[in-house]
Amino acid sequence: MTPVLDVRGLAKSFTLHGIGGRVVHAFSGVDLTVAPGELVALAGRSGAGKSSVIKAVYRTYRPTAGTVMFAPSTGEPVDLAALPDADVADLREREIGYVSQFLRAEPRRGVLDVVARAGVRRGMEPGRAREAAADVLGALRLDRELWQTYPTLLSGGEQQRVNLASALLAPPRLLLLDEPVSALDPANREAVLSMISTLVAGGTAVLTILHDHEAIRRLANQVVLMADGRVVDAGDPAEVLAEVAP
């Protein structure tokens, strides 16, 4: 089976021109593969480079070295690291979703409109997109009374669920998640993990950052453990996490 995502030798450095051109290495030598219907979890302490890896795959950061091969639903695999910005933007609209820990919504649109517009961008008819938006917001336990509220007025956990709802509408081929349950209470955490599990079962490839070892063991097919910007272990979650403090 052709992987949806195949990352080889990925590295990212930043040059800090304000302090004499000092070079900071965010991460280097990262290899990982995500197949259709598979969830791969990035784990490790804060500062290990996990979020930077996700951003390099999504091309928020342009990698310093390495390849990020993505297999679209049609056509041959492409290297996201080398694609023109316009082509990357097109793939983001159609096939690559990204959910950060932070709000990424238009400030003067209500929650339902924000989520529905994400579906329209992926080809859904507007009426159907609003119906699907209502379904996913309900499944993620966001109170109906908040659906017309501006997302910027919501709590951190509510904003996180709006971001996730937008990504789950017309599910993408590849979904990148940065700490999807970090701000959630137990009941809402369970709702989100259940939806992610359903999405993976439906064939979406997921690369996610998770600190919650129980969630990793429950959802992940494999875990990639990072420290100091490098992969220090990778494989079966039970084996990799056995020697790591929760």
C-alpha atoms as a PDB file:
ATOM      1  CA  MET A   1       0.000   0.000   0.000  1.00  0.00           C
ATOM      2  CA  THR A   2       1.333   3.430  -0.963  1.00  0.00           C
ATOM      3  CA  PRO A   3       1.714   5.595   2.150  1.00  0.00           C
ATOM      4  CA  VAL A   4      -0.205   8.848   2.270  1.00  0.00           C
ATOM      5  CA  LEU A   5       2.793  10.531   3.916  1.00  0.00           C
ATOM      6  CA  ASP A   6       6.451   9.509   3.684  1.00  0.00           C
ATOM      7  CA  VAL A   7       8.927  11.822   5.424  1.00  0.00           C
ATOM      8  CA  ARG A   8      12.663  11.286   4.961  1.00  0.00           C
ATOM      9  CA  GLY A   9      15.595  13.184   6.447  1.00  0.00           C
ATOM     10  CA  LEU A  10      13.445  16.153   7.395  1.00  0.00           C
ATOM     11  CA  ALA A  11      15.204  19.063   9.079  1.00  0.00           C
ATOM     12  CA  LYS A  12      14.463  22.681   9.946  1.00  0.00           C
ATOM     13  CA  SER A  13      16.817  25.420  11.128  1.00  0.00           C
ATOM     14  CA  PHE A  14      16.116  29.063  11.908  1.00  0.00           C
ATOM     15  CA  THR A  15      18.590  31.915  11.510  1.00  0.00           C
ATOM     16  CA  LEU A  16      18.139  34.573  14.201  1.00  0.00           C
ATOM     17  CA  HIS A  17      19.303  37.678  12.400  1.00  0.00           C
ATOM     18  CA  GLY A  18      18.520  39.894  15.397  1.00  0.00           C
ATOM     19  CA  ILE A  19      21.224  38.224  17.480  1.00  0.00           C
ATOM     20  CA  GLY A  20      24.138  38.011  15.104  1.00  0.00           C
ATOM     21  CA  GLY A  21      22.816  35.372  12.723  1.00  0.00           C
ATOM     22  CA  ARG A  22      22.767  32.583  15.292  1.00  0.00           C
ATOM     23  CA  VAL A  23      21.364  29.338  13.827  1.00  0.00           C
ATOM     24  CA  VAL A  24      18.872  27.331  15.875  1.00  0.00           C
ATOM     25  CA  HIS A  25      18.177  23.738  14.840  1.00  0.00           C
ATOM     26  CA  ALA A  26      14.505  22.937  15.525  1.00  0.00           C
ATOM     27  CA  PHE A  27      14.824  19.295  14.449  1.00  0.00           C
ATOM     28  CA  SER A  28      16.801  17.117  12.052  1.00  0.00           C
ATOM     29  CA  GLY A  29      16.890  13.634  10.564  1.00  0.00           C
ATOM     30  CA  VAL A  30      13.176  12.927  11.012  1.00  0.00           C
ATOM     31  CA  ASP A  31      11.809   9.873   9.184  1.00  0.00           C
ATOM     32  CA  LEU A  32       8.211   8.690   9.440  1.00  0.00           C
ATOM     33  CA  THR A  33       5.480   7.092   7.346  1.00  0.00           C
ATOM     34  CA  VAL A  34       1.697   7.278   7.663  1.00  0.00           C
ATOM     35  CA  ALA A  35      -0.520   4.909   5.681  1.00  0.00           C
ATOM     36  CA  PRO A  36      -4.232   5.267   4.885  1.00  0.00           C
ATOM     37  CA  GLY A  37      -6.288   4.459   7.984  1.00  0.00           C
ATOM     38  CA  GLU A  38      -3.279   4.783  10.284  1.00  0.00           C
ATOM     39  CA  LEU A  39      -2.566   7.161  13.180  1.00  0.00           C
ATOM     40  CA  VAL A  40       1.038   8.001  13.996  1.00  0.00           C
ATOM     41  CA  ALA A  41       1.670   9.895  17.235  1.00  0.00           C
ATOM     42  CA  LEU A  42       4.593  12.226  17.862  1.00  0.00           C
ATOM     43  CA  ALA A  43       5.561  12.079  21.533  1.00  0.00           C
ATOM     44  CA  GLY A  44       8.206  13.639  23.734  1.00  0.00           C
ATOM     45  CA  ARG A  45       8.739  16.479  26.169  1.00  0.00           C
ATOM     46  CA  SER A  46       7.960  20.115  25.360  1.00  0.00           C
ATOM     47  CA  GLY A  47      10.667  21.594  23.165  1.00  0.00           C
ATOM     48  CA  ALA A  48      11.491  18.285  21.480  1.00  0.00           C
ATOM     49  CA  GLY A  49      10.546  19.666  18.047  1.00  0.00           C
ATOM     50  CA  LYS A  50       7.172  17.974  17.557  1.00  0.00           C
ATOM     51  CA  SER A  51       5.123  21.045  16.615  1.00  0.00           C
ATOM     52  CA  SER A  52       7.849  22.192  14.246  1.00  0.00           C
ATOM     53  CA  VAL A  53       7.709  18.826  12.462  1.00  0.00           C
ATOM     54  CA  ILE A  54       3.939  19.159  12.005  1.00  0.00           C
ATOM     55  CA  LYS A  55       4.354  22.699  10.665  1.00  0.00           C
ATOM     56  CA  ALA A  56       7.062  21.572   8.248  1.00  0.00           C
ATOM     57  CA  VAL A  57       4.813  18.796   6.921  1.00  0.00           C
ATOM     58  CA  TYR A  58       1.982  21.312   6.485  1.00  0.00           C
ATOM     59  CA  ARG A  59       4.519  23.720   4.955  1.00  0.00           C
ATOM     60  CA  THR A  60       3.883  26.515   7.438  1.00  0.00           C
ATOM     61  CA  TYR A  61       7.659  26.131   7.763  1.00  0.00           C
ATOM     62  CA  ARG A  62       9.687  25.411   4.655  1.00  0.00           C
ATOM     63  CA  PRO A  63      12.042  22.544   5.560  1.00  0.00           C
ATOM     64  CA  THR A  64      15.794  23.143   5.492  1.00  0.00           C
ATOM     65  CA  ALA A  65      16.417  19.601   4.254  1.00  0.00           C
ATOM     66  CA  GLY A  66      14.594  16.376   3.499  1.00  0.00           C
ATOM     67  CA  THR A  67      11.483  15.304   1.613  1.00  0.00           C
ATOM     68  CA  VAL A  68       7.793  15.244   2.520  1.00  0.00           C
ATOM     69  CA  MET A  69       6.167  12.929  -0.005  1.00  0.00           C
ATOM     70  CA  PHE A  70       2.373  13.160  -0.073  1.00  0.00           C
ATOM     71  CA  ALA A  71       0.157  10.854  -2.125  1.00  0.00           C
ATOM     72  CA  PRO A  72      -2.968  12.752  -3.249  1.00  0.00           C
ATOM     73  CA  SER A  73      -6.205  10.964  -4.050  1.00  0.00           C
ATOM     74  CA  THR A  74      -5.396  11.302  -7.754  1.00  0.00           C
ATOM     75  CA  GLY A  75      -2.034  11.480  -9.453  1.00  0.00           C
ATOM     76  CA  GLU A  76       1.499  10.661  -8.399  1.00  0.00           C
ATOM     77  CA  PRO A  77       3.058  11.478  -4.994  1.00  0.00           C
ATOM     78  CA  VAL A  78       4.452  14.994  -4.661  1.00  0.00           C
ATOM     79  CA  ASP A  79       7.133  16.474  -2.422  1.00  0.00           C
ATOM     80  CA  LEU A  80       5.436  19.087  -0.246  1.00  0.00           C
ATOM     81  CA  ALA A  81       8.837  20.453   0.727  1.00  0.00           C
ATOM     82  CA  ALA A  82       9.531  21.450  -2.882  1.00  0.00           C
ATOM     83  CA  LEU A  83       6.083  22.388  -4.220  1.00  0.00           C
ATOM     84  CA  PRO A  84       5.252  25.991  -5.131  1.00  0.00           C
ATOM     85  CA  ASP A  85       3.185  27.784  -2.496  1.00  0.00           C
ATOM     86  CA  ALA A  86       0.079  27.874  -4.732  1.00  0.00           C
ATOM     87  CA  ASP A  87       0.119  24.088  -5.161  1.00  0.00           C
ATOM     88  CA  VAL A  88       0.538  23.578  -1.409  1.00  0.00           C
ATOM     89  CA  ALA A  89      -2.417  25.909  -0.765  1.00  0.00           C
ATOM     90  CA  ASP A  90      -4.551  23.925  -3.208  1.00  0.00           C
ATOM     91  CA  LEU A  91      -3.746  20.632  -1.469  1.00  0.00           C
ATOM     92  CA  ARG A  92      -4.572  22.204   1.905  1.00  0.00           C
ATOM     93  CA  GLU A  93      -8.003  23.179   0.620  1.00  0.00           C
ATOM     94  CA  ARG A  94      -8.785  19.730  -0.748  1.00  0.00           C
ATOM     95  CA  GLU A  95      -6.751  17.002   0.934  1.00  0.00           C
ATOM     96  CA  ILE A  96      -4.632  18.131   3.896  1.00  0.00           C
ATOM     97  CA  GLY A  97      -6.198  19.301   7.147  1.00  0.00           C
ATOM     98  CA  TYR A  98      -4.417  20.906  10.084  1.00  0.00           C
ATOM     99  CA  VAL A  99      -5.732  21.520  13.603  1.00  0.00           C
ATOM    100  CA  SER A 100      -3.520  23.623  15.859  1.00  0.00           C
ATOM    101  CA  GLN A 101      -3.904  24.240  19.577  1.00  0.00           C
ATOM    102  CA  PHE A 102      -4.917  27.791  18.738  1.00  0.00           C
ATOM    103  CA  LEU A 103      -7.922  29.396  17.065  1.00  0.00           C
ATOM    104  CA  ARG A 104      -7.718  29.680  13.276  1.00  0.00           C
ATOM    105  CA  ALA A 105     -11.149  31.143  12.515  1.00  0.00           C
ATOM    106  CA  GLU A 106     -12.489  34.325  10.984  1.00  0.00           C
ATOM    107  CA  PRO A 107     -13.369  36.526  13.968  1.00  0.00           C
ATOM    108  CA  ARG A 108     -16.711  37.890  12.694  1.00  0.00           C
ATOM    109  CA  ARG A 109     -18.432  34.699  11.646  1.00  0.00           C
ATOM    110  CA  GLY A 110     -20.442  32.466  13.909  1.00  0.00           C
ATOM    111  CA  VAL A 111     -19.240  28.986  14.793  1.00  0.00           C
ATOM    112  CA  LEU A 112     -21.700  27.187  12.481  1.00  0.00           C
ATOM    113  CA  ASP A 113     -20.737  29.396   9.536  1.00  0.00           C
ATOM    114  CA  VAL A 114     -17.022  28.896  10.167  1.00  0.00           C
ATOM    115  CA  VAL A 115     -17.349  25.110  10.183  1.00  0.00           C
ATOM    116  CA  ALA A 116     -19.749  24.997   7.217  1.00  0.00           C
ATOM    117  CA  ARG A 117     -17.420  27.152   5.113  1.00  0.00           C
ATOM    118  CA  ALA A 118     -14.661  24.608   5.657  1.00  0.00           C
ATOM    119  CA  GLY A 119     -16.911  21.980   4.057  1.00  0.00           C
ATOM    120  CA  VAL A 120     -17.769  24.262   1.121  1.00  0.00           C
ATOM    121  CA  ARG A 121     -14.064  24.808   0.461  1.00  0.00           C
ATOM    122  CA  ARG A 122     -13.704  21.037   0.140  1.00  0.00           C
ATOM    123  CA  GLY A 123     -16.507  20.826  -2.429  1.00  0.00           C
ATOM    124  CA  MET A 124     -19.656  20.360  -0.323  1.00  0.00           C
ATOM    125  CA  GLU A 125     -22.897  22.055  -1.390  1.00  0.00           C
ATOM    126  CA  PRO A 126     -23.612  24.931   1.072  1.00  0.00           C
ATOM    127  CA  GLY A 127     -26.849  23.513   2.468  1.00  0.00           C
ATOM    128  CA  ARG A 128     -25.337  20.087   2.978  1.00  0.00           C
ATOM    129  CA  ALA A 129     -22.270  21.689   4.548  1.00  0.00           C
ATOM    130  CA  ARG A 130     -24.413  23.430   7.183  1.00  0.00           C
ATOM    131  CA  GLU A 131     -26.213  20.169   7.978  1.00  0.00           C
ATOM    132  CA  ALA A 132     -22.906  18.318   8.298  1.00  0.00           C
ATOM    133  CA  ALA A 133     -21.478  21.160  10.409  1.00  0.00           C
ATOM    134  CA  ALA A 134     -24.399  20.837  12.821  1.00  0.00           C
ATOM    135  CA  ASP A 135     -23.854  17.068  13.026  1.00  0.00           C
ATOM    136  CA  VAL A 136     -20.147  17.307  13.821  1.00  0.00           C
ATOM    137  CA  LEU A 137     -20.588  20.153  16.318  1.00  0.00           C
ATOM    138  CA  GLY A 138     -23.195  18.061  18.102  1.00  0.00           C
ATOM    139  CA  ALA A 139     -20.928  15.020  18.114  1.00  0.00           C
ATOM    140  CA  LEU A 140     -18.154  17.144  19.625  1.00  0.00           C
ATOM    141  CA  ARG A 141     -20.533  18.270  22.378  1.00  0.00           C
ATOM    142  CA  LEU A 142     -20.437  21.993  21.590  1.00  0.00           C
ATOM    143  CA  ASP A 143     -23.618  23.533  23.036  1.00  0.00           C
ATOM    144  CA  ARG A 144     -26.102  24.545  20.342  1.00  0.00           C
ATOM    145  CA  GLU A 145     -26.520  27.950  21.989  1.00  0.00           C
ATOM    146  CA  LEU A 146     -22.911  28.714  21.052  1.00  0.00           C
ATOM    147  CA  TRP A 147     -23.260  27.956  17.338  1.00  0.00           C
ATOM    148  CA  GLN A 148     -23.999  31.584  16.393  1.00  0.00           C
ATOM    149  CA  THR A 149     -21.286  32.963  18.706  1.00  0.00           C
ATOM    150  CA  TYR A 150     -18.008  34.332  17.337  1.00  0.00           C
ATOM    151  CA  PRO A 151     -15.325  31.668  17.948  1.00  0.00           C
ATOM    152  CA  THR A 152     -13.000  34.289  19.457  1.00  0.00           C
ATOM    153  CA  LEU A 153     -15.430  34.590  22.383  1.00  0.00           C
ATOM    154  CA  LEU A 154     -15.262  30.905  23.276  1.00  0.00           C
ATOM    155  CA  SER A 155     -13.099  29.172  25.864  1.00  0.00           C
ATOM    156  CA  GLY A 156      -9.881  27.448  24.825  1.00  0.00           C
ATOM    157  CA  GLY A 157     -11.488  24.008  24.863  1.00  0.00           C
ATOM    158  CA  GLU A 158     -14.475  25.240  22.833  1.00  0.00           C
ATOM    159  CA  GLN A 159     -12.191  26.878  20.278  1.00  0.00           C
ATOM    160  CA  GLN A 160     -10.238  23.650  20.015  1.00  0.00           C
ATOM    161  CA  ARG A 161     -13.424  21.773  19.151  1.00  0.00           C
ATOM    162  CA  VAL A 162     -14.369  24.360  16.518  1.00  0.00           C
ATOM    163  CA  ASN A 163     -10.964  23.885  14.888  1.00  0.00           C
ATOM    164  CA  LEU A 164     -11.411  20.126  14.943  1.00  0.00           C
ATOM    165  CA  ALA A 165     -14.969  20.313  13.583  1.00  0.00           C
ATOM    166  CA  SER A 166     -13.711  22.371  10.630  1.00  0.00           C
ATOM    167  CA  ALA A 167     -11.089  19.738   9.865  1.00  0.00           C
ATOM    168  CA  LEU A 168     -13.487  16.807  10.189  1.00  0.00           C
ATOM    169  CA  LEU A 169     -16.089  18.155   7.779  1.00  0.00           C
ATOM    170  CA  ALA A 170     -15.529  16.305   4.491  1.00  0.00           C
ATOM    171  CA  PRO A 171     -12.523  14.543   6.094  1.00  0.00           C
ATOM    172  CA  PRO A 172      -9.177  15.188   4.389  1.00  0.00           C
ATOM    173  CA  ARG A 173      -6.838  12.500   3.104  1.00  0.00           C
ATOM    174  CA  LEU A 174      -4.184  13.575   5.620  1.00  0.00           C
ATOM    175  CA  LEU A 175      -5.020  15.187   8.965  1.00  0.00           C
ATOM    176  CA  LEU A 176      -2.362  16.877  11.116  1.00  0.00           C
ATOM    177  CA  LEU A 177      -3.322  17.411  14.761  1.00  0.00           C
ATOM    178  CA  ASP A 178      -1.341  19.420  17.311  1.00  0.00           C
ATOM    179  CA  GLU A 179      -2.463  18.381  20.804  1.00  0.00           C
ATOM    180  CA  PRO A 180      -6.153  17.851  19.906  1.00  0.00           C
ATOM    181  CA  VAL A 181      -7.267  17.072  23.495  1.00  0.00           C
ATOM    182  CA  SER A 182      -4.935  19.289  25.519  1.00  0.00           C
ATOM    183  CA  ALA A 183      -7.622  21.768  26.669  1.00  0.00           C
ATOM    184  CA  LEU A 184     -10.549  19.379  27.093  1.00  0.00           C
ATOM    185  CA  ASP A 185     -12.332  18.000  30.127  1.00  0.00           C
ATOM    186  CA  PRO A 186     -12.790  14.186  30.368  1.00  0.00           C
ATOM    187  CA  ALA A 187     -16.216  14.031  28.681  1.00  0.00           C
ATOM    188  CA  ASN A 188     -15.195  16.211  25.745  1.00  0.00           C
ATOM    189  CA  ARG A 189     -11.838  14.459  25.505  1.00  0.00           C
ATOM    190  CA  GLU A 190     -13.684  11.176  25.071  1.00  0.00           C
ATOM    191  CA  ALA A 191     -15.917  12.652  22.330  1.00  0.00           C
ATOM    192  CA  VAL A 192     -12.901  13.940  20.403  1.00  0.00           C
ATOM    193  CA  LEU A 193     -10.915  10.696  20.711  1.00  0.00           C
ATOM    194  CA  SER A 194     -13.941   8.748  19.535  1.00  0.00           C
ATOM    195  CA  MET A 195     -14.307  10.953  16.454  1.00  0.00           C
ATOM    196  CA  ILE A 196     -10.622  10.661  15.632  1.00  0.00           C
ATOM    197  CA  SER A 197     -10.879   6.875  15.940  1.00  0.00           C
ATOM    198  CA  THR A 198     -13.861   6.849  13.566  1.00  0.00           C
ATOM    199  CA  LEU A 199     -11.991   9.057  11.100  1.00  0.00           C
ATOM    200  CA  VAL A 200      -8.987   6.724  11.064  1.00  0.00           C
ATOM    201  CA  ALA A 201     -11.260   3.706  10.639  1.00  0.00           C
ATOM    202  CA  GLY A 202     -12.693   5.464   7.582  1.00  0.00           C
ATOM    203  CA  GLY A 203      -9.262   5.618   5.926  1.00  0.00           C
ATOM    204  CA  THR A 204      -7.862   9.034   6.834  1.00  0.00           C
ATOM    205  CA  ALA A 205      -4.138   9.153   7.599  1.00  0.00           C
ATOM    206  CA  VAL A 206      -3.469  11.038  10.839  1.00  0.00           C
ATOM    207  CA  LEU A 207      -0.218  12.474  12.192  1.00  0.00           C
ATOM    208  CA  THR A 208      -0.770  13.896  15.658  1.00  0.00           C
ATOM    209  CA  ILE A 209       1.081  15.240  18.665  1.00  0.00           C
ATOM    210  CA  LEU A 210      -0.101  13.625  21.905  1.00  0.00           C
ATOM    211  CA  HIS A 211       1.283  13.856  25.433  1.00  0.00           C
ATOM    212  CA  ASP A 212      -1.464  11.618  26.821  1.00  0.00           C
ATOM    213  CA  HIS A 213       0.022   8.107  26.887  1.00  0.00           C
ATOM    214  CA  GLU A 214      -3.364   6.468  27.392  1.00  0.00           C
ATOM    215  CA  ALA A 215      -4.650   8.167  24.235  1.00  0.00           C
ATOM    216  CA  ILE A 216      -1.542   7.105  22.309  1.00  0.00           C
ATOM    217  CA  ARG A 217      -1.950   3.475  23.352  1.00  0.00           C
ATOM    218  CA  ARG A 218      -5.626   3.612  22.448  1.00  0.00           C
ATOM    219  CA  LEU A 219      -5.393   5.279  19.038  1.00  0.00           C
ATOM    220  CA  ALA A 220      -1.897   5.021  17.605  1.00  0.00           C
ATOM    221  CA  ASN A 221      -0.609   2.363  15.233  1.00  0.00           C
ATOM    222  CA  GLN A 222       2.889   3.631  15.921  1.00  0.00           C
ATOM    223  CA  VAL A 223       4.570   6.298  18.008  1.00  0.00           C
ATOM    224  CA  VAL A 224       7.595   8.423  17.098  1.00  0.00           C
ATOM    225  CA  LEU A 225       9.436   9.560  20.235  1.00  0.00           C
ATOM    226  CA  MET A 226      11.440  12.790  19.944  1.00  0.00           C
ATOM    227  CA  ALA A 227      14.014  14.485  22.160  1.00  0.00           C
ATOM    228  CA  ASP A 228      16.203  17.504  21.431  1.00  0.00           C
ATOM    229  CA  GLY A 229      14.992  17.731  17.842  1.00  0.00           C
ATOM    230  CA  ARG A 230      15.701  14.108  16.926  1.00  0.00           C
ATOM    231  CA  VAL A 231      13.818  10.828  16.744  1.00  0.00           C
ATOM    232  CA  VAL A 232      15.120   8.644  19.567  1.00  0.00           C
ATOM    233  CA  ASP A 233      12.707   5.717  19.175  1.00  0.00           C
ATOM    234  CA  ALA A 234       9.799   4.634  16.994  1.00  0.00           C
ATOM    235  CA  GLY A 235       7.476   1.679  16.781  1.00  0.00           C
ATOM    236  CA  ASP A 236       4.712  -0.038  18.690  1.00  0.00           C
ATOM    237  CA  PRO A 237       3.260   2.327  21.336  1.00  0.00           C
ATOM    238  CA  ALA A 238       3.312  -0.243  24.132  1.00  0.00           C
ATOM    239  CA  GLU A 239       6.990  -0.950  23.558  1.00  0.00           C
ATOM    240  CA  VAL A 240       8.181   2.623  22.943  1.00  0.00           C
ATOM    241  CA  LEU A 241       6.272   4.096  25.900  1.00  0.00           C
ATOM    242  CA  ALA A 242       7.177   1.317  28.338  1.00  0.00           C
ATOM    243  CA  GLU A 243      10.374   3.104  29.392  1.00  0.00           C
ATOM    244  CA  VAL A 244       9.003   6.652  29.196  1.00  0.00           C
ATOM    245  CA  ALA A 245       7.524   8.479  32.185  1.00  0.00           C
ATOM    246  CA  PRO A 246       3.873   9.472  31.553  1.00  0.00           C
END
